Amino acid sequence: MHEFELIKKYFSKLAKKNKSSLELNDDVFFDRSKKLVVSVDTYVEGIHFINFKKPNLVIKKIIRSSISDLICKGVEPKYYFISGSGNKKSFSKINLSKILRSLKEEQKKYSIFLCGGDTVFSNKLSFTITSIGFSNKIIFRNKAKLNDDIYITGNLGDSFIGLKLLKKKISLNSRLNKYFVNKYYLPDLQTNISKKLLSFANTSIDISDGLLTDLEKLINNQKYSYKIFLKDIPISKNLQNLIDLKKYKKISCISNGDDYQILFTANPSKSRIILKTSKLLGTKISKIGKICPHYQKSQIIDEKNKKITLKSKGYFHKF
């Protein structure tokens, strides 16, 4: 079974009487009375990151992907807890000094503060991050409306190419190698648009497991489908160059996760304010599709106006 089946079958009843748990079907816990927003994420070596040869970059990646859960909800992250399991090799003095330096840099960049955590000896390296923010309002999942426009911030696909490079499945020149690997380790979080989302987004999620996988999570309890236009999905000039050289197809790059851009829906009447916000903040926001009635099948339309069939929609945790 995949993770949502596991949660629904075994754990959802435990949280049924707690409204703040959001039925265990969102990225966060939200207690409106206390204005408290909390998210928890675990990262395991070999699954969420390839190895620990670059501990300074791995730590930055997991911090950013963790606070992204709050940012996409329109909440400013404030505090974090970090717990780690590892051995003497993974937590050597050299690695610990690199971890410390990276945490200091991320704290300064995002104005967040370490509050605690735990350490456990283990031959399996993993980290768990708890992120905390405060707000009396968030953007929930499953609040899309029929005919909503679907938007995405930033670009998709660069992280996927970076992962391919780290796995040595492809090779590029040094400039492109550095660009794509950095996009994998250092996702561009859209912190400047976070609070603005509250004024126009009906529902939102961050892209962690892939565009289509996360879009389906976004509307998984609603009787809706979607139509996505491939030509409108934003990608970087560097990725476009690879596609032009026929090294990759666009469709194979845009739904493999680790982008940590914000996926949201909004009423068509909000298109002007969204465009204005994009220009004002200098943040790319692209309209890529539409929320459709449930009797229509979800579909992706290519540049020739033909439907695309995908073998994989993204990443799923299976148990």
C-alpha atoms as a PDB file:
ATOM      1  CA  MET A   1       0.000   0.000   0.000  1.00  0.00           C
ATOM      2  CA  HIS A   2       1.105   3.599  -0.505  1.00  0.00           C
ATOM      3  CA  GLU A   3       1.476   6.104   2.328  1.00  0.00           C
ATOM      4  CA  PHE A   4      -2.032   7.574   2.118  1.00  0.00           C
ATOM      5  CA  GLU A   5      -3.667   4.158   2.228  1.00  0.00           C
ATOM      6  CA  LEU A   6      -1.553   3.344   5.287  1.00  0.00           C
ATOM      7  CA  ILE A   7      -2.559   6.569   7.034  1.00  0.00           C
ATOM      8  CA  LYS A   8      -6.245   6.216   6.196  1.00  0.00           C
ATOM      9  CA  LYS A   9      -6.446   2.542   7.211  1.00  0.00           C
ATOM     10  CA  TYR A  10      -4.406   2.614  10.422  1.00  0.00           C
ATOM     11  CA  PHE A  11      -4.029   6.134  11.813  1.00  0.00           C
ATOM     12  CA  SER A  12      -6.789   8.489  10.652  1.00  0.00           C
ATOM     13  CA  LYS A  13      -9.235   7.303  13.348  1.00  0.00           C
ATOM     14  CA  LEU A  14      -6.775   8.360  16.060  1.00  0.00           C
ATOM     15  CA  ALA A  15      -6.945  11.963  14.853  1.00  0.00           C
ATOM     16  CA  LYS A  16     -10.643  12.070  13.983  1.00  0.00           C
ATOM     17  CA  LYS A  17     -11.679  14.145  17.028  1.00  0.00           C
ATOM     18  CA  ASN A  18      -8.784  16.574  16.623  1.00  0.00           C
ATOM     19  CA  LYS A  19      -9.730  19.199  14.013  1.00  0.00           C
ATOM     20  CA  SER A  20      -6.228  20.649  14.094  1.00  0.00           C
ATOM     21  CA  SER A  21      -4.837  17.429  12.581  1.00  0.00           C
ATOM     22  CA  LEU A  22      -6.732  18.255   9.348  1.00  0.00           C
ATOM     23  CA  GLU A  23      -7.686  14.560   9.080  1.00  0.00           C
ATOM     24  CA  LEU A  24      -3.997  13.730   8.511  1.00  0.00           C
ATOM     25  CA  ASN A  25      -4.491  14.795   4.902  1.00  0.00           C
ATOM     26  CA  ASP A  26      -2.432  17.963   4.752  1.00  0.00           C
ATOM     27  CA  ASP A  27       1.198  19.002   5.113  1.00  0.00           C
ATOM     28  CA  VAL A  28       0.719  20.592   8.518  1.00  0.00           C
ATOM     29  CA  PHE A  29      -0.990  20.604  11.907  1.00  0.00           C
ATOM     30  CA  PHE A  30      -2.950  23.835  12.402  1.00  0.00           C
ATOM     31  CA  ASP A  31      -4.380  25.011  15.726  1.00  0.00           C
ATOM     32  CA  ARG A  32      -6.257  28.186  14.865  1.00  0.00           C
ATOM     33  CA  SER A  33      -6.895  29.169  18.511  1.00  0.00           C
ATOM     34  CA  LYS A  34      -3.179  29.098  19.289  1.00  0.00           C
ATOM     35  CA  LYS A  35      -2.177  30.330  15.811  1.00  0.00           C
ATOM     36  CA  LEU A  36       0.194  27.351  15.715  1.00  0.00           C
ATOM     37  CA  VAL A  37       1.332  25.606  12.509  1.00  0.00           C
ATOM     38  CA  VAL A  38       3.606  22.533  12.625  1.00  0.00           C
ATOM     39  CA  SER A  39       5.063  20.160  10.032  1.00  0.00           C
ATOM     40  CA  VAL A  40       7.269  17.069  10.438  1.00  0.00           C
ATOM     41  CA  ASP A  41       9.477  15.423   7.793  1.00  0.00           C
ATOM     42  CA  THR A  42      11.937  12.524   7.849  1.00  0.00           C
ATOM     43  CA  TYR A  43      14.829  12.075   5.413  1.00  0.00           C
ATOM     44  CA  VAL A  44      16.659   8.778   4.963  1.00  0.00           C
ATOM     45  CA  GLU A  45      19.999   8.235   3.220  1.00  0.00           C
ATOM     46  CA  GLY A  46      19.586   6.356  -0.037  1.00  0.00           C
ATOM     47  CA  ILE A  47      15.961   7.484  -0.421  1.00  0.00           C
ATOM     48  CA  HIS A  48      15.727  11.238   0.166  1.00  0.00           C
ATOM     49  CA  PHE A  49      19.399  11.941  -0.497  1.00  0.00           C
ATOM     50  CA  ILE A  50      21.920   9.730  -2.284  1.00  0.00           C
ATOM     51  CA  ASN A  51      24.722   9.791   0.262  1.00  0.00           C
ATOM     52  CA  PHE A  52      26.371  12.006   2.853  1.00  0.00           C
ATOM     53  CA  LYS A  53      29.513  12.952   0.921  1.00  0.00           C
ATOM     54  CA  LYS A  54      28.377  16.588   0.978  1.00  0.00           C
ATOM     55  CA  PRO A  55      26.842  17.003   4.452  1.00  0.00           C
ATOM     56  CA  ASN A  56      26.795  20.794   4.131  1.00  0.00           C
ATOM     57  CA  LEU A  57      24.521  20.584   1.082  1.00  0.00           C
ATOM     58  CA  VAL A  58      22.385  17.678   2.316  1.00  0.00           C
ATOM     59  CA  ILE A  59      21.510  19.602   5.493  1.00  0.00           C
ATOM     60  CA  LYS A  60      20.542  22.674   3.496  1.00  0.00           C
ATOM     61  CA  LYS A  61      18.346  20.565   1.239  1.00  0.00           C
ATOM     62  CA  ILE A  62      16.431  18.943   4.100  1.00  0.00           C
ATOM     63  CA  ILE A  63      15.990  22.239   5.971  1.00  0.00           C
ATOM     64  CA  ARG A  64      14.583  23.933   2.869  1.00  0.00           C
ATOM     65  CA  SER A  65      12.321  21.059   1.918  1.00  0.00           C
ATOM     66  CA  SER A  66      11.001  20.982   5.503  1.00  0.00           C
ATOM     67  CA  ILE A  67      10.149  24.669   5.864  1.00  0.00           C
ATOM     68  CA  SER A  68       8.667  24.550   2.362  1.00  0.00           C
ATOM     69  CA  ASP A  69       5.648  22.791   3.904  1.00  0.00           C
ATOM     70  CA  LEU A  70       4.891  25.965   5.867  1.00  0.00           C
ATOM     71  CA  ILE A  71       5.772  28.426   3.132  1.00  0.00           C
ATOM     72  CA  CYS A  72       3.309  26.887   0.669  1.00  0.00           C
ATOM     73  CA  LYS A  73       0.579  27.313   3.297  1.00  0.00           C
ATOM     74  CA  GLY A  74       1.172  31.056   3.522  1.00  0.00           C
ATOM     75  CA  VAL A  75       3.015  30.689   6.844  1.00  0.00           C
ATOM     76  CA  GLU A  76       6.416  32.095   7.765  1.00  0.00           C
ATOM     77  CA  PRO A  77       8.612  29.421   9.418  1.00  0.00           C
ATOM     78  CA  LYS A  78      10.005  30.536  12.763  1.00  0.00           C
ATOM     79  CA  TYR A  79      11.481  27.587  14.670  1.00  0.00           C
ATOM     80  CA  TYR A  80      12.785  24.117  13.867  1.00  0.00           C
ATOM     81  CA  PHE A  81      13.849  20.964  15.696  1.00  0.00           C
ATOM     82  CA  ILE A  82      16.309  18.522  14.155  1.00  0.00           C
ATOM     83  CA  SER A  83      16.860  14.893  15.146  1.00  0.00           C
ATOM     84  CA  GLY A  84      19.474  12.664  13.579  1.00  0.00           C
ATOM     85  CA  SER A  85      20.447   9.016  13.620  1.00  0.00           C
ATOM     86  CA  GLY A  86      23.935   8.072  12.485  1.00  0.00           C
ATOM     87  CA  ASN A  87      27.317   6.680  13.434  1.00  0.00           C
ATOM     88  CA  LYS A  88      30.848   7.982  14.047  1.00  0.00           C
ATOM     89  CA  LYS A  89      31.531   8.227  10.327  1.00  0.00           C
ATOM     90  CA  SER A  90      28.439  10.251   9.462  1.00  0.00           C
ATOM     91  CA  PHE A  91      28.784  12.420  12.575  1.00  0.00           C
ATOM     92  CA  SER A  92      32.535  12.919  12.460  1.00  0.00           C
ATOM     93  CA  LYS A  93      34.008  16.200  13.730  1.00  0.00           C
ATOM     94  CA  ILE A  94      34.532  17.384  10.161  1.00  0.00           C
ATOM     95  CA  ASN A  95      30.965  16.585   9.151  1.00  0.00           C
ATOM     96  CA  LEU A  96      29.518  18.130  12.304  1.00  0.00           C
ATOM     97  CA  SER A  97      31.402  21.367  11.673  1.00  0.00           C
ATOM     98  CA  LYS A  98      30.026  21.440   8.117  1.00  0.00           C
ATOM     99  CA  ILE A  99      26.509  20.761   9.399  1.00  0.00           C
ATOM    100  CA  LEU A 100      26.830  23.556  11.958  1.00  0.00           C
ATOM    101  CA  ARG A 101      28.025  26.029   9.341  1.00  0.00           C
ATOM    102  CA  SER A 102      25.151  25.179   7.007  1.00  0.00           C
ATOM    103  CA  LEU A 103      22.561  25.462   9.764  1.00  0.00           C
ATOM    104  CA  LYS A 104      23.899  28.893  10.681  1.00  0.00           C
ATOM    105  CA  GLU A 105      23.639  29.994   7.050  1.00  0.00           C
ATOM    106  CA  GLU A 106      20.093  28.663   6.658  1.00  0.00           C
ATOM    107  CA  GLN A 107      19.001  30.270   9.929  1.00  0.00           C
ATOM    108  CA  LYS A 108      20.275  33.622   8.713  1.00  0.00           C
ATOM    109  CA  LYS A 109      18.771  33.217   5.227  1.00  0.00           C
ATOM    110  CA  TYR A 110      15.287  32.246   6.425  1.00  0.00           C
ATOM    111  CA  SER A 111      15.208  33.883   9.887  1.00  0.00           C
ATOM    112  CA  ILE A 112      14.601  30.576  11.645  1.00  0.00           C
ATOM    113  CA  PHE A 113      15.950  29.353  14.975  1.00  0.00           C
ATOM    114  CA  LEU A 114      16.983  25.923  16.264  1.00  0.00           C
ATOM    115  CA  CYS A 115      14.978  24.908  19.342  1.00  0.00           C
ATOM    116  CA  GLY A 116      16.009  21.326  20.051  1.00  0.00           C
ATOM    117  CA  GLY A 117      16.054  17.784  18.723  1.00  0.00           C
ATOM    118  CA  ASP A 118      17.623  14.426  19.450  1.00  0.00           C
ATOM    119  CA  THR A 119      20.532  12.213  18.392  1.00  0.00           C
ATOM    120  CA  VAL A 120      20.580   8.419  18.142  1.00  0.00           C
ATOM    121  CA  PHE A 121      23.413   6.048  17.255  1.00  0.00           C
ATOM    122  CA  SER A 122      22.574   3.998  14.166  1.00  0.00           C
ATOM    123  CA  ASN A 123      24.267   2.639  11.068  1.00  0.00           C
ATOM    124  CA  LYS A 124      21.364   4.018   9.052  1.00  0.00           C
ATOM    125  CA  LEU A 125      21.637   7.775   8.559  1.00  0.00           C
ATOM    126  CA  SER A 126      18.434   9.784   8.809  1.00  0.00           C
ATOM    127  CA  PHE A 127      17.160  13.191   9.901  1.00  0.00           C
ATOM    128  CA  THR A 128      13.774  14.337  11.148  1.00  0.00           C
ATOM    129  CA  ILE A 129      12.853  18.021  11.020  1.00  0.00           C
ATOM    130  CA  THR A 130       9.961  19.632  12.858  1.00  0.00           C
ATOM    131  CA  SER A 131       9.130  23.110  11.535  1.00  0.00           C
ATOM    132  CA  ILE A 132       6.984  25.603  13.434  1.00  0.00           C
ATOM    133  CA  GLY A 133       5.262  28.833  12.414  1.00  0.00           C
ATOM    134  CA  PHE A 134       2.467  31.043  13.718  1.00  0.00           C
ATOM    135  CA  SER A 135      -0.599  32.235  11.826  1.00  0.00           C
ATOM    136  CA  ASN A 136      -4.348  32.585  12.269  1.00  0.00           C
ATOM    137  CA  LYS A 137      -4.904  31.505   8.680  1.00  0.00           C
ATOM    138  CA  ILE A 138      -3.454  28.929   6.282  1.00  0.00           C
ATOM    139  CA  ILE A 139      -4.198  27.657   2.775  1.00  0.00           C
ATOM    140  CA  PHE A 140      -5.637  24.145   3.035  1.00  0.00           C
ATOM    141  CA  ARG A 141      -5.592  21.181   0.697  1.00  0.00           C
ATOM    142  CA  ASN A 142      -8.803  20.054  -1.016  1.00  0.00           C
ATOM    143  CA  LYS A 143     -10.261  23.555  -1.246  1.00  0.00           C
ATOM    144  CA  ALA A 144     -10.045  23.875  -5.024  1.00  0.00           C
ATOM    145  CA  LYS A 145     -13.099  25.184  -6.856  1.00  0.00           C
ATOM    146  CA  LEU A 146     -14.469  24.016 -10.195  1.00  0.00           C
ATOM    147  CA  ASN A 147     -12.871  25.998 -13.069  1.00  0.00           C
ATOM    148  CA  ASP A 148     -10.044  27.254 -10.842  1.00  0.00           C
ATOM    149  CA  ASP A 149      -6.862  28.097 -12.719  1.00  0.00           C
ATOM    150  CA  ILE A 150      -3.825  26.013 -11.744  1.00  0.00           C
ATOM    151  CA  TYR A 151      -0.576  27.873 -11.108  1.00  0.00           C
ATOM    152  CA  ILE A 152       3.036  26.999 -10.331  1.00  0.00           C
ATOM    153  CA  THR A 153       5.863  29.231  -9.075  1.00  0.00           C
ATOM    154  CA  GLY A 154       9.413  29.140 -10.412  1.00  0.00           C
ATOM    155  CA  ASN A 155      10.677  26.392 -12.718  1.00  0.00           C
ATOM    156  CA  LEU A 156      10.343  22.616 -12.679  1.00  0.00           C
ATOM    157  CA  GLY A 157      12.756  19.873 -13.729  1.00  0.00           C
ATOM    158  CA  ASP A 158      16.193  21.258 -12.842  1.00  0.00           C
ATOM    159  CA  SER A 159      16.433  19.155  -9.688  1.00  0.00           C
ATOM    160  CA  PHE A 160      15.662  15.996 -11.684  1.00  0.00           C
ATOM    161  CA  ILE A 161      18.635  16.660 -13.977  1.00  0.00           C
ATOM    162  CA  GLY A 162      20.814  17.358 -10.925  1.00  0.00           C
ATOM    163  CA  LEU A 163      19.854  13.986  -9.469  1.00  0.00           C
ATOM    164  CA  LYS A 164      20.697  12.267 -12.760  1.00  0.00           C
ATOM    165  CA  LEU A 165      24.122  13.900 -12.683  1.00  0.00           C
ATOM    166  CA  LEU A 166      24.764  12.841  -9.073  1.00  0.00           C
ATOM    167  CA  LYS A 167      23.802   9.278  -9.976  1.00  0.00           C
ATOM    168  CA  LYS A 168      26.215   9.524 -12.935  1.00  0.00           C
ATOM    169  CA  LYS A 169      23.468   8.588 -15.372  1.00  0.00           C
ATOM    170  CA  ILE A 170      24.305  11.572 -17.572  1.00  0.00           C
ATOM    171  CA  SER A 171      27.277  13.902 -18.019  1.00  0.00           C
ATOM    172  CA  LEU A 172      27.343  17.601 -18.887  1.00  0.00           C
ATOM    173  CA  ASN A 173      29.971  20.332 -19.014  1.00  0.00           C
ATOM    174  CA  SER A 174      31.195  21.742 -15.693  1.00  0.00           C
ATOM    175  CA  ARG A 175      29.030  24.878 -15.835  1.00  0.00           C
ATOM    176  CA  LEU A 176      25.798  22.968 -16.413  1.00  0.00           C
ATOM    177  CA  ASN A 177      26.818  20.266 -13.958  1.00  0.00           C
ATOM    178  CA  LYS A 178      27.249  22.862 -11.214  1.00  0.00           C
ATOM    179  CA  TYR A 179      23.982  24.606 -12.116  1.00  0.00           C
ATOM    180  CA  PHE A 180      21.789  21.479 -12.029  1.00  0.00           C
ATOM    181  CA  VAL A 181      23.453  19.890  -8.977  1.00  0.00           C
ATOM    182  CA  ASN A 182      22.963  23.133  -7.049  1.00  0.00           C
ATOM    183  CA  LYS A 183      19.282  23.142  -8.030  1.00  0.00           C
ATOM    184  CA  TYR A 184      18.992  19.648  -6.567  1.00  0.00           C
ATOM    185  CA  TYR A 185      20.672  20.523  -3.269  1.00  0.00           C
ATOM    186  CA  LEU A 186      19.524  24.140  -2.953  1.00  0.00           C
ATOM    187  CA  PRO A 187      15.886  24.544  -4.051  1.00  0.00           C
ATOM    188  CA  ASP A 188      14.688  28.104  -4.584  1.00  0.00           C
ATOM    189  CA  LEU A 189      11.990  28.631  -1.958  1.00  0.00           C
ATOM    190  CA  GLN A 190       9.417  31.311  -2.784  1.00  0.00           C
ATOM    191  CA  THR A 191       9.368  32.976   0.621  1.00  0.00           C
ATOM    192  CA  ASN A 192       8.496  36.412  -0.758  1.00  0.00           C
ATOM    193  CA  ILE A 193       5.189  35.214  -2.184  1.00  0.00           C
ATOM    194  CA  SER A 194       4.130  33.105   0.801  1.00  0.00           C
ATOM    195  CA  LYS A 195       1.974  35.675   2.618  1.00  0.00           C
ATOM    196  CA  LYS A 196       0.547  36.993  -0.669  1.00  0.00           C
ATOM    197  CA  LEU A 197      -0.869  33.529  -1.406  1.00  0.00           C
ATOM    198  CA  LEU A 198      -3.436  34.010   1.336  1.00  0.00           C
ATOM    199  CA  SER A 199      -5.127  36.760  -0.702  1.00  0.00           C
ATOM    200  CA  PHE A 200      -5.757  34.718  -3.852  1.00  0.00           C
ATOM    201  CA  ALA A 201      -5.023  30.964  -3.523  1.00  0.00           C
ATOM    202  CA  ASN A 202      -7.918  28.577  -2.816  1.00  0.00           C
ATOM    203  CA  THR A 203      -5.646  25.604  -2.133  1.00  0.00           C
ATOM    204  CA  SER A 204      -1.905  24.923  -2.265  1.00  0.00           C
ATOM    205  CA  ILE A 205       0.894  22.391  -1.840  1.00  0.00           C
ATOM    206  CA  ASP A 206       4.636  22.308  -2.447  1.00  0.00           C
ATOM    207  CA  ILE A 207       6.096  20.153  -5.218  1.00  0.00           C
ATOM    208  CA  SER A 208       8.059  17.448  -3.420  1.00  0.00           C
ATOM    209  CA  ASP A 209       7.033  14.143  -5.040  1.00  0.00           C
ATOM    210  CA  GLY A 210       6.290  15.467  -8.525  1.00  0.00           C
ATOM    211  CA  LEU A 211       3.871  17.876 -10.235  1.00  0.00           C
ATOM    212  CA  LEU A 212       1.144  15.355 -11.028  1.00  0.00           C
ATOM    213  CA  THR A 213       1.512  13.309  -7.841  1.00  0.00           C
ATOM    214  CA  ASP A 214       1.222  16.447  -5.727  1.00  0.00           C
ATOM    215  CA  LEU A 215      -1.597  17.869  -7.832  1.00  0.00           C
ATOM    216  CA  GLU A 216      -3.567  14.686  -7.204  1.00  0.00           C
ATOM    217  CA  LYS A 217      -2.836  14.994  -3.462  1.00  0.00           C
ATOM    218  CA  LEU A 218      -4.115  18.561  -3.621  1.00  0.00           C
ATOM    219  CA  ILE A 219      -7.579  17.469  -4.800  1.00  0.00           C
ATOM    220  CA  ASN A 220      -7.634  13.859  -3.562  1.00  0.00           C
ATOM    221  CA  ASN A 221     -10.833  14.230  -1.514  1.00  0.00           C
ATOM    222  CA  GLN A 222     -12.661  16.295  -4.111  1.00  0.00           C
ATOM    223  CA  LYS A 223     -14.633  15.077  -7.105  1.00  0.00           C
ATOM    224  CA  TYR A 224     -12.542  17.002  -9.593  1.00  0.00           C
ATOM    225  CA  SER A 225     -10.067  16.314 -12.361  1.00  0.00           C
ATOM    226  CA  TYR A 226      -7.498  18.554 -14.050  1.00  0.00           C
ATOM    227  CA  LYS A 227      -6.246  19.591 -17.450  1.00  0.00           C
ATOM    228  CA  ILE A 228      -2.574  20.589 -17.724  1.00  0.00           C
ATOM    229  CA  PHE A 229      -0.921  22.150 -20.761  1.00  0.00           C
ATOM    230  CA  LEU A 230       2.663  20.962 -21.204  1.00  0.00           C
ATOM    231  CA  LYS A 231       3.712  24.086 -23.130  1.00  0.00           C
ATOM    232  CA  ASP A 232       2.795  26.276 -20.150  1.00  0.00           C
ATOM    233  CA  ILE A 233       4.796  24.364 -17.537  1.00  0.00           C
ATOM    234  CA  PRO A 234       7.772  26.627 -16.686  1.00  0.00           C
ATOM    235  CA  ILE A 235      11.349  25.373 -17.124  1.00  0.00           C
ATOM    236  CA  SER A 236      14.733  27.086 -17.029  1.00  0.00           C
ATOM    237  CA  LYS A 237      16.704  28.152 -20.094  1.00  0.00           C
ATOM    238  CA  ASN A 238      19.363  25.567 -19.226  1.00  0.00           C
ATOM    239  CA  LEU A 239      16.817  22.765 -19.205  1.00  0.00           C
ATOM    240  CA  GLN A 240      15.203  24.079 -22.392  1.00  0.00           C
ATOM    241  CA  ASN A 241      18.622  23.900 -24.074  1.00  0.00           C
ATOM    242  CA  LEU A 242      18.943  20.218 -23.127  1.00  0.00           C
ATOM    243  CA  ILE A 243      15.487  19.575 -24.526  1.00  0.00           C
ATOM    244  CA  ASP A 244      16.327  21.444 -27.738  1.00  0.00           C
ATOM    245  CA  LEU A 245      19.399  19.249 -28.114  1.00  0.00           C
ATOM    246  CA  LYS A 246      17.046  16.262 -27.783  1.00  0.00           C
ATOM    247  CA  LYS A 247      18.804  15.013 -24.676  1.00  0.00           C
ATOM    248  CA  TYR A 248      15.489  14.914 -22.823  1.00  0.00           C
ATOM    249  CA  LYS A 249      11.762  15.243 -23.373  1.00  0.00           C
ATOM    250  CA  LYS A 250      10.064  17.946 -21.358  1.00  0.00           C
ATOM    251  CA  ILE A 251       7.379  15.585 -20.081  1.00  0.00           C
ATOM    252  CA  SER A 252      10.033  13.298 -18.547  1.00  0.00           C
ATOM    253  CA  CYS A 253      11.550  16.166 -16.529  1.00  0.00           C
ATOM    254  CA  ILE A 254       8.631  18.025 -15.000  1.00  0.00           C
ATOM    255  CA  SER A 255       7.089  15.464 -12.671  1.00  0.00           C
ATOM    256  CA  ASN A 256       9.925  13.838 -10.781  1.00  0.00           C
ATOM    257  CA  GLY A 257       9.832  15.908  -7.598  1.00  0.00           C
ATOM    258  CA  ASP A 258      12.335  17.758  -5.421  1.00  0.00           C
ATOM    259  CA  ASP A 259      11.389  21.106  -6.985  1.00  0.00           C
ATOM    260  CA  TYR A 260       9.763  22.630  -3.851  1.00  0.00           C
ATOM    261  CA  GLN A 261       7.898  25.205  -5.892  1.00  0.00           C
ATOM    262  CA  ILE A 262       4.368  26.185  -4.874  1.00  0.00           C
ATOM    263  CA  LEU A 263       1.454  24.611  -6.716  1.00  0.00           C
ATOM    264  CA  PHE A 264      -1.855  26.400  -6.134  1.00  0.00           C
ATOM    265  CA  THR A 265      -5.285  27.036  -7.614  1.00  0.00           C
ATOM    266  CA  ALA A 266      -7.177  30.319  -7.823  1.00  0.00           C
ATOM    267  CA  ASN A 267     -10.410  31.678  -9.220  1.00  0.00           C
ATOM    268  CA  PRO A 268      -9.994  33.098 -12.759  1.00  0.00           C
ATOM    269  CA  SER A 269     -11.056  36.496 -11.348  1.00  0.00           C
ATOM    270  CA  LYS A 270      -7.746  36.557  -9.444  1.00  0.00           C
ATOM    271  CA  SER A 271      -5.581  36.396 -12.582  1.00  0.00           C
ATOM    272  CA  ARG A 272      -4.839  40.150 -12.582  1.00  0.00           C
ATOM    273  CA  ILE A 273      -3.723  40.296  -8.956  1.00  0.00           C
ATOM    274  CA  ILE A 274      -1.595  37.192  -9.472  1.00  0.00           C
ATOM    275  CA  LEU A 275       0.091  38.752 -12.521  1.00  0.00           C
ATOM    276  CA  LYS A 276       0.597  42.006 -10.610  1.00  0.00           C
ATOM    277  CA  THR A 277       2.069  40.123  -7.627  1.00  0.00           C
ATOM    278  CA  SER A 278       4.414  38.218  -9.920  1.00  0.00           C
ATOM    279  CA  LYS A 279       5.749  41.424 -11.476  1.00  0.00           C
ATOM    280  CA  LEU A 280       5.940  43.302  -8.169  1.00  0.00           C
ATOM    281  CA  LEU A 281       7.932  40.573  -6.425  1.00  0.00           C
ATOM    282  CA  GLY A 282       9.947  39.478  -9.452  1.00  0.00           C
ATOM    283  CA  THR A 283       8.713  35.919  -8.913  1.00  0.00           C
ATOM    284  CA  LYS A 284       7.746  33.709 -11.828  1.00  0.00           C
ATOM    285  CA  ILE A 285       4.150  32.501 -11.526  1.00  0.00           C
ATOM    286  CA  SER A 286       2.783  30.466 -14.440  1.00  0.00           C
ATOM    287  CA  LYS A 287      -0.780  29.406 -15.203  1.00  0.00           C
ATOM    288  CA  ILE A 288      -0.537  25.804 -16.371  1.00  0.00           C
ATOM    289  CA  GLY A 289      -4.059  24.409 -16.402  1.00  0.00           C
ATOM    290  CA  LYS A 290      -7.592  24.176 -15.071  1.00  0.00           C
ATOM    291  CA  ILE A 291      -9.631  22.298 -12.457  1.00  0.00           C
ATOM    292  CA  CYS A 292     -12.306  20.291 -14.291  1.00  0.00           C
ATOM    293  CA  PRO A 293     -15.482  18.306 -13.442  1.00  0.00           C
ATOM    294  CA  HIS A 294     -14.993  14.783 -12.090  1.00  0.00           C
ATOM    295  CA  TYR A 295     -16.621  13.140 -15.107  1.00  0.00           C
ATOM    296  CA  GLN A 296     -13.749  14.368 -17.282  1.00  0.00           C
ATOM    297  CA  LYS A 297     -10.547  12.359 -17.024  1.00  0.00           C
ATOM    298  CA  SER A 298      -7.451  14.210 -15.813  1.00  0.00           C
ATOM    299  CA  GLN A 299      -5.161  14.885 -18.739  1.00  0.00           C
ATOM    300  CA  ILE A 300      -1.983  16.528 -19.948  1.00  0.00           C
ATOM    301  CA  ILE A 301      -2.104  18.190 -23.352  1.00  0.00           C
ATOM    302  CA  ASP A 302       1.086  18.489 -25.417  1.00  0.00           C
ATOM    303  CA  GLU A 303       2.154  21.216 -27.852  1.00  0.00           C
ATOM    304  CA  LYS A 304       0.231  19.498 -30.679  1.00  0.00           C
ATOM    305  CA  ASN A 305      -2.958  19.480 -28.575  1.00  0.00           C
ATOM    306  CA  LYS A 306      -2.725  15.718 -28.056  1.00  0.00           C
ATOM    307  CA  LYS A 307      -3.224  13.868 -24.787  1.00  0.00           C
ATOM    308  CA  ILE A 308      -0.106  12.454 -23.143  1.00  0.00           C
ATOM    309  CA  THR A 309      -0.022   9.166 -21.285  1.00  0.00           C
ATOM    310  CA  LEU A 310       2.564   8.965 -18.507  1.00  0.00           C
ATOM    311  CA  LYS A 311       4.167   5.781 -17.192  1.00  0.00           C
ATOM    312  CA  SER A 312       5.009   7.507 -13.915  1.00  0.00           C
ATOM    313  CA  LYS A 313       3.344  10.548 -12.333  1.00  0.00           C
ATOM    314  CA  GLY A 314       6.019  10.997  -9.655  1.00  0.00           C
ATOM    315  CA  TYR A 315       7.268   9.432  -6.455  1.00  0.00           C
ATOM    316  CA  PHE A 316       5.157   7.341  -4.043  1.00  0.00           C
ATOM    317  CA  HIS A 317       6.197   5.856  -0.715  1.00  0.00           C
ATOM    318  CA  LYS A 318       5.097   2.231  -0.810  1.00  0.00           C
ATOM    319  CA  PHE A 319       4.895  -0.128   2.162  1.00  0.00           C
END
